Amino acid sequence: MTKKRFLFLFVLLMALGLSGCFSFFSKTPYLKVVPESVVLNLATGETEVELTAEVVDLITDEQITWEIADAAVATLSEETGAQVKVVAQAVGETTITVSCGELEPVTVSVKVVHDEKALPLVIDFAEAERSTFFTAEYTHAPNMADEPLCGILSSGSKIQINAGVFSMNGARWAIGAPSTYLEGGIKTTKEDSKTVGYLDLSKPYAITIEFGEAVSEPSGFFQIMVDNNTTTEANSIHGMASSIYQINVSDIKSNDTLVIKSDLGTAASFIQFRTNSGAQVNIKRISIDYQ
């Protein structure tokens, strides 16, 4: 009796499965689009990206079609096919609708921004003048046309630019510090709860410094600090670690190139360059980029 009952249930289950009652065993075809959202940046030249669409779990002769809602924001290279390029036209937001036959359409969001980035940064002093270097006219903070990217922290009179060489003697200056944190302004402390700079140092980065002629009577040291606008290493949200590099000026030879790699910083950081009293260095070029 038990065997007959088991056989009956087995046959019943097979019949139900074949009849489609177990539809959860079958796969539902769908349209897949990669990427699902797009951000384009007019300021950095990231103005186009390729989109790819495919039909999953279905063989079909139906065409894949693409339609953009606002062609003033972005345009499409094609209206049909498995691949298209979306190209930025103006700041704004729009959507792309991707369709194929009776399948559920897919909507791709498109955002076009004008978002300036401070990095990578190259400062070639052959193209700089002392009168404008620390102004927004020379280089400004990202998306802030009136805010200088470089600023003096102390002893600005001891900073000179002559014949393509930046000389600092017992002076301090910063890249990416807000103007309110420059000479005479707010001081960083170990109690700070956040960083305030214009450089995104949230990823490992490298600072490359190309020196000019070595000074004839070297003394003192050259130091680089992050998120610290004072002379004391501990006066930073990073504590003593804020000093990422220090070298005796006597160890810097003519035309040396120094590469400092670090991962200290946040998405809103700044970098201080310092020579202590009586110490002078001559710099031809500074570049900052991600590793």
C-alpha atoms as a PDB file:
ATOM      1  CA  MET A   1       0.000   0.000   0.000  1.00  0.00           C
ATOM      2  CA  THR A   2       2.817   2.363   0.906  1.00  0.00           C
ATOM      3  CA  LYS A   3       4.637   1.688  -2.377  1.00  0.00           C
ATOM      4  CA  LYS A   4       1.482   2.341  -4.397  1.00  0.00           C
ATOM      5  CA  ARG A   5       0.930   5.618  -2.558  1.00  0.00           C
ATOM      6  CA  PHE A   6       4.528   6.706  -3.129  1.00  0.00           C
ATOM      7  CA  LEU A   7       4.303   5.858  -6.828  1.00  0.00           C
ATOM      8  CA  PHE A   8       1.069   7.811  -7.117  1.00  0.00           C
ATOM      9  CA  LEU A   9       2.630  10.904  -5.503  1.00  0.00           C
ATOM     10  CA  PHE A  10       5.681  10.651  -7.753  1.00  0.00           C
ATOM     11  CA  VAL A  11       3.557  10.498 -10.898  1.00  0.00           C
ATOM     12  CA  LEU A  12       1.431  13.398  -9.649  1.00  0.00           C
ATOM     13  CA  LEU A  13       4.477  15.559  -9.005  1.00  0.00           C
ATOM     14  CA  MET A  14       5.929  14.826 -12.431  1.00  0.00           C
ATOM     15  CA  ALA A  15       2.631  15.701 -14.053  1.00  0.00           C
ATOM     16  CA  LEU A  16       2.404  18.986 -12.181  1.00  0.00           C
ATOM     17  CA  GLY A  17       5.975  19.876 -13.106  1.00  0.00           C
ATOM     18  CA  LEU A  18       5.404  19.143 -16.777  1.00  0.00           C
ATOM     19  CA  SER A  19       2.190  21.137 -16.766  1.00  0.00           C
ATOM     20  CA  GLY A  20       4.064  24.244 -15.618  1.00  0.00           C
ATOM     21  CA  CYS A  21       2.637  24.372 -12.116  1.00  0.00           C
ATOM     22  CA  PHE A  22       6.225  24.406 -10.867  1.00  0.00           C
ATOM     23  CA  SER A  23       7.002  27.534 -12.856  1.00  0.00           C
ATOM     24  CA  PHE A  24       9.560  28.592 -10.258  1.00  0.00           C
ATOM     25  CA  PHE A  25      11.926  26.005 -11.752  1.00  0.00           C
ATOM     26  CA  SER A  26      11.973  27.948 -15.040  1.00  0.00           C
ATOM     27  CA  LYS A  27      14.019  31.123 -15.570  1.00  0.00           C
ATOM     28  CA  THR A  28      12.404  34.444 -16.440  1.00  0.00           C
ATOM     29  CA  PRO A  29      14.192  36.246 -19.272  1.00  0.00           C
ATOM     30  CA  TYR A  30      15.252  39.822 -18.651  1.00  0.00           C
ATOM     31  CA  LEU A  31      17.209  42.706 -20.103  1.00  0.00           C
ATOM     32  CA  LYS A  32      20.560  43.462 -18.486  1.00  0.00           C
ATOM     33  CA  VAL A  33      22.299  46.841 -18.959  1.00  0.00           C
ATOM     34  CA  VAL A  34      25.797  47.743 -17.723  1.00  0.00           C
ATOM     35  CA  PRO A  35      26.418  50.175 -16.134  1.00  0.00           C
ATOM     36  CA  GLU A  36      23.067  50.881 -14.495  1.00  0.00           C
ATOM     37  CA  SER A  37      23.914  54.544 -13.848  1.00  0.00           C
ATOM     38  CA  VAL A  38      26.324  57.049 -15.388  1.00  0.00           C
ATOM     39  CA  VAL A  39      28.110  60.153 -14.047  1.00  0.00           C
ATOM     40  CA  LEU A  40      30.021  62.254 -16.579  1.00  0.00           C
ATOM     41  CA  ASN A  41      32.292  65.180 -15.710  1.00  0.00           C
ATOM     42  CA  LEU A  42      32.801  68.062 -18.126  1.00  0.00           C
ATOM     43  CA  ALA A  43      35.596  69.562 -15.995  1.00  0.00           C
ATOM     44  CA  THR A  44      37.876  66.513 -16.073  1.00  0.00           C
ATOM     45  CA  GLY A  45      37.233  65.351 -19.636  1.00  0.00           C
ATOM     46  CA  GLU A  46      35.319  62.252 -18.521  1.00  0.00           C
ATOM     47  CA  THR A  47      32.586  63.065 -21.016  1.00  0.00           C
ATOM     48  CA  GLU A  48      31.574  59.719 -22.509  1.00  0.00           C
ATOM     49  CA  VAL A  49      31.032  56.108 -21.503  1.00  0.00           C
ATOM     50  CA  GLU A  50      29.978  52.916 -23.262  1.00  0.00           C
ATOM     51  CA  LEU A  51      26.792  51.094 -22.284  1.00  0.00           C
ATOM     52  CA  THR A  52      26.188  47.419 -23.037  1.00  0.00           C
ATOM     53  CA  ALA A  53      22.862  45.587 -23.079  1.00  0.00           C
ATOM     54  CA  GLU A  54      22.057  41.902 -23.406  1.00  0.00           C
ATOM     55  CA  VAL A  55      19.000  39.680 -23.196  1.00  0.00           C
ATOM     56  CA  VAL A  56      19.462  37.018 -20.533  1.00  0.00           C
ATOM     57  CA  ASP A  57      17.832  33.543 -20.706  1.00  0.00           C
ATOM     58  CA  LEU A  58      16.114  34.160 -24.048  1.00  0.00           C
ATOM     59  CA  ILE A  59      17.090  33.820 -27.685  1.00  0.00           C
ATOM     60  CA  THR A  60      15.334  36.542 -29.648  1.00  0.00           C
ATOM     61  CA  ASP A  61      15.508  38.393 -32.955  1.00  0.00           C
ATOM     62  CA  GLU A  62      14.047  41.538 -31.368  1.00  0.00           C
ATOM     63  CA  GLN A  63      16.280  44.634 -31.550  1.00  0.00           C
ATOM     64  CA  ILE A  64      17.544  46.370 -28.428  1.00  0.00           C
ATOM     65  CA  THR A  65      16.541  50.036 -28.599  1.00  0.00           C
ATOM     66  CA  TRP A  66      17.848  53.068 -26.712  1.00  0.00           C
ATOM     67  CA  GLU A  67      16.046  56.330 -26.033  1.00  0.00           C
ATOM     68  CA  ILE A  68      17.310  59.323 -24.059  1.00  0.00           C
ATOM     69  CA  ALA A  69      14.870  61.668 -22.378  1.00  0.00           C
ATOM     70  CA  ASP A  70      16.849  64.922 -22.712  1.00  0.00           C
ATOM     71  CA  ALA A  71      19.360  65.180 -25.559  1.00  0.00           C
ATOM     72  CA  ALA A  72      20.411  68.627 -24.287  1.00  0.00           C
ATOM     73  CA  VAL A  73      22.109  66.919 -21.317  1.00  0.00           C
ATOM     74  CA  ALA A  74      23.572  63.893 -23.128  1.00  0.00           C
ATOM     75  CA  THR A  75      23.317  62.160 -26.485  1.00  0.00           C
ATOM     76  CA  LEU A  76      23.552  58.562 -27.698  1.00  0.00           C
ATOM     77  CA  SER A  77      25.844  57.353 -30.470  1.00  0.00           C
ATOM     78  CA  GLU A  78      23.228  54.813 -31.635  1.00  0.00           C
ATOM     79  CA  GLU A  79      19.515  54.148 -31.161  1.00  0.00           C
ATOM     80  CA  THR A  80      19.709  50.367 -31.623  1.00  0.00           C
ATOM     81  CA  GLY A  81      22.198  47.599 -30.940  1.00  0.00           C
ATOM     82  CA  ALA A  82      23.926  45.929 -28.034  1.00  0.00           C
ATOM     83  CA  GLN A  83      26.383  48.763 -27.399  1.00  0.00           C
ATOM     84  CA  VAL A  84      26.075  52.547 -27.437  1.00  0.00           C
ATOM     85  CA  LYS A  85      28.053  55.497 -26.164  1.00  0.00           C
ATOM     86  CA  VAL A  86      26.477  58.195 -24.056  1.00  0.00           C
ATOM     87  CA  VAL A  87      28.173  61.580 -24.520  1.00  0.00           C
ATOM     88  CA  ALA A  88      27.828  64.551 -22.149  1.00  0.00           C
ATOM     89  CA  GLN A  89      26.512  67.806 -23.569  1.00  0.00           C
ATOM     90  CA  ALA A  90      25.648  70.023 -20.595  1.00  0.00           C
ATOM     91  CA  VAL A  91      25.296  69.897 -16.814  1.00  0.00           C
ATOM     92  CA  GLY A  92      22.065  68.217 -15.768  1.00  0.00           C
ATOM     93  CA  GLU A  93      20.303  64.908 -15.226  1.00  0.00           C
ATOM     94  CA  THR A  94      18.352  62.669 -17.580  1.00  0.00           C
ATOM     95  CA  THR A  95      17.506  59.009 -18.180  1.00  0.00           C
ATOM     96  CA  ILE A  96      17.984  56.414 -20.882  1.00  0.00           C
ATOM     97  CA  THR A  97      15.293  53.827 -21.528  1.00  0.00           C
ATOM     98  CA  VAL A  98      16.529  50.502 -22.922  1.00  0.00           C
ATOM     99  CA  SER A  99      13.930  48.169 -24.446  1.00  0.00           C
ATOM    100  CA  CYS A 100      13.686  44.848 -26.238  1.00  0.00           C
ATOM    101  CA  GLY A 101      10.356  43.424 -27.388  1.00  0.00           C
ATOM    102  CA  GLU A 102       8.037  42.458 -24.542  1.00  0.00           C
ATOM    103  CA  LEU A 103      10.759  42.393 -21.905  1.00  0.00           C
ATOM    104  CA  GLU A 104      10.631  44.810 -18.989  1.00  0.00           C
ATOM    105  CA  PRO A 105      12.446  48.025 -20.063  1.00  0.00           C
ATOM    106  CA  VAL A 106      15.512  49.153 -18.107  1.00  0.00           C
ATOM    107  CA  THR A 107      16.081  52.768 -17.056  1.00  0.00           C
ATOM    108  CA  VAL A 108      19.635  54.095 -16.792  1.00  0.00           C
ATOM    109  CA  SER A 109      20.199  57.327 -14.869  1.00  0.00           C
ATOM    110  CA  VAL A 110      22.603  59.868 -16.390  1.00  0.00           C
ATOM    111  CA  LYS A 111      24.144  62.763 -14.468  1.00  0.00           C
ATOM    112  CA  VAL A 112      26.445  65.330 -16.041  1.00  0.00           C
ATOM    113  CA  VAL A 113      28.475  67.513 -13.691  1.00  0.00           C
ATOM    114  CA  HIS A 114      31.202  70.128 -13.888  1.00  0.00           C
ATOM    115  CA  ASP A 115      33.265  69.005 -10.904  1.00  0.00           C
ATOM    116  CA  GLU A 116      36.862  70.156 -10.857  1.00  0.00           C
ATOM    117  CA  LYS A 117      39.454  67.939  -9.150  1.00  0.00           C
ATOM    118  CA  ALA A 118      42.638  69.159  -7.477  1.00  0.00           C
ATOM    119  CA  LEU A 119      44.538  65.963  -8.283  1.00  0.00           C
ATOM    120  CA  PRO A 120      46.525  65.113 -10.234  1.00  0.00           C
ATOM    121  CA  LEU A 121      48.323  68.422  -9.731  1.00  0.00           C
ATOM    122  CA  VAL A 122      51.490  69.692 -11.389  1.00  0.00           C
ATOM    123  CA  ILE A 123      53.194  72.926 -10.368  1.00  0.00           C
ATOM    124  CA  ASP A 124      55.987  73.903 -12.739  1.00  0.00           C
ATOM    125  CA  PHE A 125      57.722  76.983 -11.371  1.00  0.00           C
ATOM    126  CA  ALA A 126      59.089  77.795 -14.809  1.00  0.00           C
ATOM    127  CA  GLU A 127      55.554  78.989 -15.525  1.00  0.00           C
ATOM    128  CA  ALA A 128      54.970  80.750 -12.189  1.00  0.00           C
ATOM    129  CA  GLU A 129      55.518  84.270 -10.899  1.00  0.00           C
ATOM    130  CA  ARG A 130      55.788  85.234  -7.240  1.00  0.00           C
ATOM    131  CA  SER A 131      53.272  88.065  -7.627  1.00  0.00           C
ATOM    132  CA  THR A 132      50.449  85.716  -8.681  1.00  0.00           C
ATOM    133  CA  PHE A 133      51.455  82.262  -7.405  1.00  0.00           C
ATOM    134  CA  PHE A 134      49.479  82.515  -4.174  1.00  0.00           C
ATOM    135  CA  THR A 135      46.345  83.829  -5.880  1.00  0.00           C
ATOM    136  CA  ALA A 136      43.325  82.191  -7.471  1.00  0.00           C
ATOM    137  CA  GLU A 137      44.518  83.670 -10.765  1.00  0.00           C
ATOM    138  CA  TYR A 138      47.353  81.123 -10.815  1.00  0.00           C
ATOM    139  CA  THR A 139      45.351  78.129  -9.610  1.00  0.00           C
ATOM    140  CA  HIS A 140      42.141  77.933  -7.638  1.00  0.00           C
ATOM    141  CA  ALA A 141      40.470  75.381  -5.395  1.00  0.00           C
ATOM    142  CA  PRO A 142      38.144  72.916  -7.137  1.00  0.00           C
ATOM    143  CA  ASN A 143      34.851  74.560  -8.080  1.00  0.00           C
ATOM    144  CA  MET A 144      35.826  77.747  -6.215  1.00  0.00           C
ATOM    145  CA  ALA A 145      37.143  80.251  -8.730  1.00  0.00           C
ATOM    146  CA  ASP A 146      37.994  82.901  -6.121  1.00  0.00           C
ATOM    147  CA  GLU A 147      39.744  80.617  -3.611  1.00  0.00           C
ATOM    148  CA  PRO A 148      43.513  80.144  -4.122  1.00  0.00           C
ATOM    149  CA  LEU A 149      44.747  76.558  -4.057  1.00  0.00           C
ATOM    150  CA  CYS A 150      48.156  77.606  -2.697  1.00  0.00           C
ATOM    151  CA  GLY A 151      48.622  79.854   0.308  1.00  0.00           C
ATOM    152  CA  ILE A 152      51.230  81.244   2.718  1.00  0.00           C
ATOM    153  CA  LEU A 153      51.311  79.966   6.300  1.00  0.00           C
ATOM    154  CA  SER A 154      54.237  82.074   7.538  1.00  0.00           C
ATOM    155  CA  SER A 155      57.190  84.214   6.407  1.00  0.00           C
ATOM    156  CA  GLY A 156      55.893  84.939   2.933  1.00  0.00           C
ATOM    157  CA  SER A 157      58.688  87.479   2.407  1.00  0.00           C
ATOM    158  CA  LYS A 158      61.148  84.577   2.527  1.00  0.00           C
ATOM    159  CA  ILE A 159      59.506  82.852  -0.427  1.00  0.00           C
ATOM    160  CA  GLN A 160      60.731  83.867  -3.877  1.00  0.00           C
ATOM    161  CA  ILE A 161      60.332  82.651  -7.452  1.00  0.00           C
ATOM    162  CA  ASN A 162      63.170  83.563  -9.784  1.00  0.00           C
ATOM    163  CA  ALA A 163      64.171  82.074 -13.138  1.00  0.00           C
ATOM    164  CA  GLY A 164      61.782  79.155 -12.738  1.00  0.00           C
ATOM    165  CA  VAL A 165      62.945  78.245  -9.213  1.00  0.00           C
ATOM    166  CA  PHE A 166      60.847  78.444  -6.049  1.00  0.00           C
ATOM    167  CA  SER A 167      63.006  79.295  -3.021  1.00  0.00           C
ATOM    168  CA  MET A 168      61.816  79.091   0.582  1.00  0.00           C
ATOM    169  CA  ASN A 169      63.987  80.045   3.541  1.00  0.00           C
ATOM    170  CA  GLY A 170      62.540  79.500   7.001  1.00  0.00           C
ATOM    171  CA  ALA A 171      59.048  79.674   5.540  1.00  0.00           C
ATOM    172  CA  ARG A 172      55.840  77.642   5.379  1.00  0.00           C
ATOM    173  CA  TRP A 173      53.141  77.345   2.730  1.00  0.00           C
ATOM    174  CA  ALA A 174      50.336  74.960   1.849  1.00  0.00           C
ATOM    175  CA  ILE A 175      48.536  73.401  -1.078  1.00  0.00           C
ATOM    176  CA  GLY A 176      44.806  72.945  -0.543  1.00  0.00           C
ATOM    177  CA  ALA A 177      44.372  74.812   2.750  1.00  0.00           C
ATOM    178  CA  PRO A 178      41.307  77.086   2.963  1.00  0.00           C
ATOM    179  CA  SER A 179      42.145  80.799   3.101  1.00  0.00           C
ATOM    180  CA  THR A 180      40.726  80.928   6.638  1.00  0.00           C
ATOM    181  CA  TYR A 181      43.517  78.527   7.697  1.00  0.00           C
ATOM    182  CA  LEU A 182      46.362  80.518   6.178  1.00  0.00           C
ATOM    183  CA  GLU A 183      48.704  82.973   7.923  1.00  0.00           C
ATOM    184  CA  GLY A 184      46.941  84.646  10.854  1.00  0.00           C
ATOM    185  CA  GLY A 185      43.899  82.392  10.579  1.00  0.00           C
ATOM    186  CA  ILE A 186      42.499  79.294  12.282  1.00  0.00           C
ATOM    187  CA  LYS A 187      45.081  76.826  13.584  1.00  0.00           C
ATOM    188  CA  THR A 188      44.713  73.067  13.354  1.00  0.00           C
ATOM    189  CA  THR A 189      44.759  71.097  16.625  1.00  0.00           C
ATOM    190  CA  LYS A 190      44.755  67.496  17.790  1.00  0.00           C
ATOM    191  CA  GLU A 191      41.149  68.036  18.949  1.00  0.00           C
ATOM    192  CA  ASP A 192      39.908  68.711  15.408  1.00  0.00           C
ATOM    193  CA  SER A 193      36.928  66.506  14.524  1.00  0.00           C
ATOM    194  CA  LYS A 194      37.215  66.871  10.753  1.00  0.00           C
ATOM    195  CA  THR A 195      39.587  67.934   8.003  1.00  0.00           C
ATOM    196  CA  VAL A 196      38.985  71.032   5.900  1.00  0.00           C
ATOM    197  CA  GLY A 197      41.251  70.960   2.842  1.00  0.00           C
ATOM    198  CA  TYR A 198      40.676  70.929  -0.894  1.00  0.00           C
ATOM    199  CA  LEU A 199      42.781  67.853  -1.774  1.00  0.00           C
ATOM    200  CA  ASP A 200      41.304  64.374  -1.948  1.00  0.00           C
ATOM    201  CA  LEU A 201      43.983  62.297  -0.224  1.00  0.00           C
ATOM    202  CA  SER A 202      41.669  59.411   0.631  1.00  0.00           C
ATOM    203  CA  LYS A 203      43.654  57.151  -1.708  1.00  0.00           C
ATOM    204  CA  PRO A 204      47.403  56.399  -1.610  1.00  0.00           C
ATOM    205  CA  TYR A 205      49.274  59.219  -3.316  1.00  0.00           C
ATOM    206  CA  ALA A 206      52.778  60.338  -4.223  1.00  0.00           C
ATOM    207  CA  ILE A 207      54.375  63.769  -3.959  1.00  0.00           C
ATOM    208  CA  THR A 208      57.260  64.271  -6.396  1.00  0.00           C
ATOM    209  CA  ILE A 209      59.607  67.208  -5.836  1.00  0.00           C
ATOM    210  CA  GLU A 210      62.290  68.201  -8.332  1.00  0.00           C
ATOM    211  CA  PHE A 211      64.925  70.372  -6.658  1.00  0.00           C
ATOM    212  CA  GLY A 212      67.142  73.019  -8.195  1.00  0.00           C
ATOM    213  CA  GLU A 213      70.664  73.943  -7.158  1.00  0.00           C
ATOM    214  CA  ALA A 214      71.655  72.955  -3.628  1.00  0.00           C
ATOM    215  CA  VAL A 215      72.326  75.845  -1.275  1.00  0.00           C
ATOM    216  CA  SER A 216      75.978  76.643  -0.562  1.00  0.00           C
ATOM    217  CA  GLU A 217      75.686  76.511   3.244  1.00  0.00           C
ATOM    218  CA  PRO A 218      72.899  74.042   4.019  1.00  0.00           C
ATOM    219  CA  SER A 219      71.360  73.867   7.482  1.00  0.00           C
ATOM    220  CA  GLY A 220      68.087  72.857   9.072  1.00  0.00           C
ATOM    221  CA  PHE A 221      65.428  70.629   7.553  1.00  0.00           C
ATOM    222  CA  PHE A 222      62.664  70.443   4.961  1.00  0.00           C
ATOM    223  CA  GLN A 223      59.371  68.953   6.171  1.00  0.00           C
ATOM    224  CA  ILE A 224      56.003  67.933   4.714  1.00  0.00           C
ATOM    225  CA  MET A 225      52.870  67.675   6.856  1.00  0.00           C
ATOM    226  CA  VAL A 226      49.254  66.749   6.150  1.00  0.00           C
ATOM    227  CA  ASP A 227      46.262  68.552   7.689  1.00  0.00           C
ATOM    228  CA  ASN A 228      48.547  70.578   9.931  1.00  0.00           C
ATOM    229  CA  ASN A 229      49.184  74.305   9.459  1.00  0.00           C
ATOM    230  CA  THR A 230      51.437  74.758  12.501  1.00  0.00           C
ATOM    231  CA  THR A 231      55.061  73.910  13.313  1.00  0.00           C
ATOM    232  CA  THR A 232      54.118  71.256  15.875  1.00  0.00           C
ATOM    233  CA  GLU A 233      53.482  67.778  14.492  1.00  0.00           C
ATOM    234  CA  ALA A 234      50.850  66.933  17.127  1.00  0.00           C
ATOM    235  CA  ASN A 235      48.599  69.861  16.148  1.00  0.00           C
ATOM    236  CA  SER A 236      46.537  67.832  13.722  1.00  0.00           C
ATOM    237  CA  ILE A 237      43.630  65.435  13.623  1.00  0.00           C
ATOM    238  CA  HIS A 238      46.299  62.863  12.681  1.00  0.00           C
ATOM    239  CA  GLY A 239      48.469  63.640  15.704  1.00  0.00           C
ATOM    240  CA  MET A 240      52.209  63.110  15.351  1.00  0.00           C
ATOM    241  CA  ALA A 241      51.615  61.145  12.155  1.00  0.00           C
ATOM    242  CA  SER A 242      50.775  64.416  10.367  1.00  0.00           C
ATOM    243  CA  SER A 243      54.477  64.764   9.531  1.00  0.00           C
ATOM    244  CA  ILE A 244      54.842  62.415   6.580  1.00  0.00           C
ATOM    245  CA  TYR A 245      58.399  63.378   5.623  1.00  0.00           C
ATOM    246  CA  GLN A 246      61.446  65.254   6.908  1.00  0.00           C
ATOM    247  CA  ILE A 247      64.937  65.525   5.448  1.00  0.00           C
ATOM    248  CA  ASN A 248      68.028  67.527   6.373  1.00  0.00           C
ATOM    249  CA  VAL A 249      68.725  70.205   3.776  1.00  0.00           C
ATOM    250  CA  SER A 250      72.345  69.030   3.689  1.00  0.00           C
ATOM    251  CA  ASP A 251      71.117  65.715   2.256  1.00  0.00           C
ATOM    252  CA  ILE A 252      69.449  67.394  -0.731  1.00  0.00           C
ATOM    253  CA  LYS A 253      71.810  67.538  -3.703  1.00  0.00           C
ATOM    254  CA  SER A 254      71.555  69.703  -6.799  1.00  0.00           C
ATOM    255  CA  ASN A 255      68.766  68.584  -9.148  1.00  0.00           C
ATOM    256  CA  ASP A 256      67.685  65.749  -6.840  1.00  0.00           C
ATOM    257  CA  THR A 257      64.209  64.272  -7.284  1.00  0.00           C
ATOM    258  CA  LEU A 258      62.353  63.263  -4.157  1.00  0.00           C
ATOM    259  CA  VAL A 259      59.294  60.978  -4.193  1.00  0.00           C
ATOM    260  CA  ILE A 260      57.216  60.731  -1.011  1.00  0.00           C
ATOM    261  CA  LYS A 261      54.514  58.059  -0.974  1.00  0.00           C
ATOM    262  CA  SER A 262      51.784  58.194   1.653  1.00  0.00           C
ATOM    263  CA  ASP A 263      48.238  57.133   2.441  1.00  0.00           C
ATOM    264  CA  LEU A 264      47.659  59.671   5.235  1.00  0.00           C
ATOM    265  CA  GLY A 265      44.754  61.980   4.559  1.00  0.00           C
ATOM    266  CA  THR A 266      41.056  62.226   3.850  1.00  0.00           C
ATOM    267  CA  ALA A 267      38.842  63.361   0.998  1.00  0.00           C
ATOM    268  CA  ALA A 268      39.282  66.913   2.349  1.00  0.00           C
ATOM    269  CA  SER A 269      42.968  67.384   3.177  1.00  0.00           C
ATOM    270  CA  PHE A 270      45.795  69.854   2.609  1.00  0.00           C
ATOM    271  CA  ILE A 271      49.599  69.614   2.508  1.00  0.00           C
ATOM    272  CA  GLN A 272      52.081  71.900   4.262  1.00  0.00           C
ATOM    273  CA  PHE A 273      55.649  72.472   3.036  1.00  0.00           C
ATOM    274  CA  ARG A 274      58.052  73.800   5.657  1.00  0.00           C
ATOM    275  CA  THR A 275      61.663  74.755   6.134  1.00  0.00           C
ATOM    276  CA  ASN A 276      62.659  75.626   9.690  1.00  0.00           C
ATOM    277  CA  SER A 277      64.491  78.814  10.618  1.00  0.00           C
ATOM    278  CA  GLY A 278      67.591  79.312   8.473  1.00  0.00           C
ATOM    279  CA  ALA A 279      66.864  76.357   6.184  1.00  0.00           C
ATOM    280  CA  GLN A 280      66.518  76.982   2.454  1.00  0.00           C
ATOM    281  CA  VAL A 281      65.529  74.752  -0.445  1.00  0.00           C
ATOM    282  CA  ASN A 282      65.163  75.494  -4.144  1.00  0.00           C
ATOM    283  CA  ILE A 283      62.389  73.709  -6.019  1.00  0.00           C
ATOM    284  CA  LYS A 284      61.750  73.541  -9.758  1.00  0.00           C
ATOM    285  CA  ARG A 285      58.646  71.376  -9.893  1.00  0.00           C
ATOM    286  CA  ILE A 286      56.081  69.686  -7.629  1.00  0.00           C
ATOM    287  CA  SER A 287      53.554  67.074  -8.712  1.00  0.00           C
ATOM    288  CA  ILE A 288      50.959  65.213  -6.665  1.00  0.00           C
ATOM    289  CA  ASP A 289      49.129  62.190  -8.042  1.00  0.00           C
ATOM    290  CA  TYR A 290      47.591  58.939  -6.908  1.00  0.00           C
ATOM    291  CA  GLN A 291      49.820  55.873  -6.761  1.00  0.00           C
END
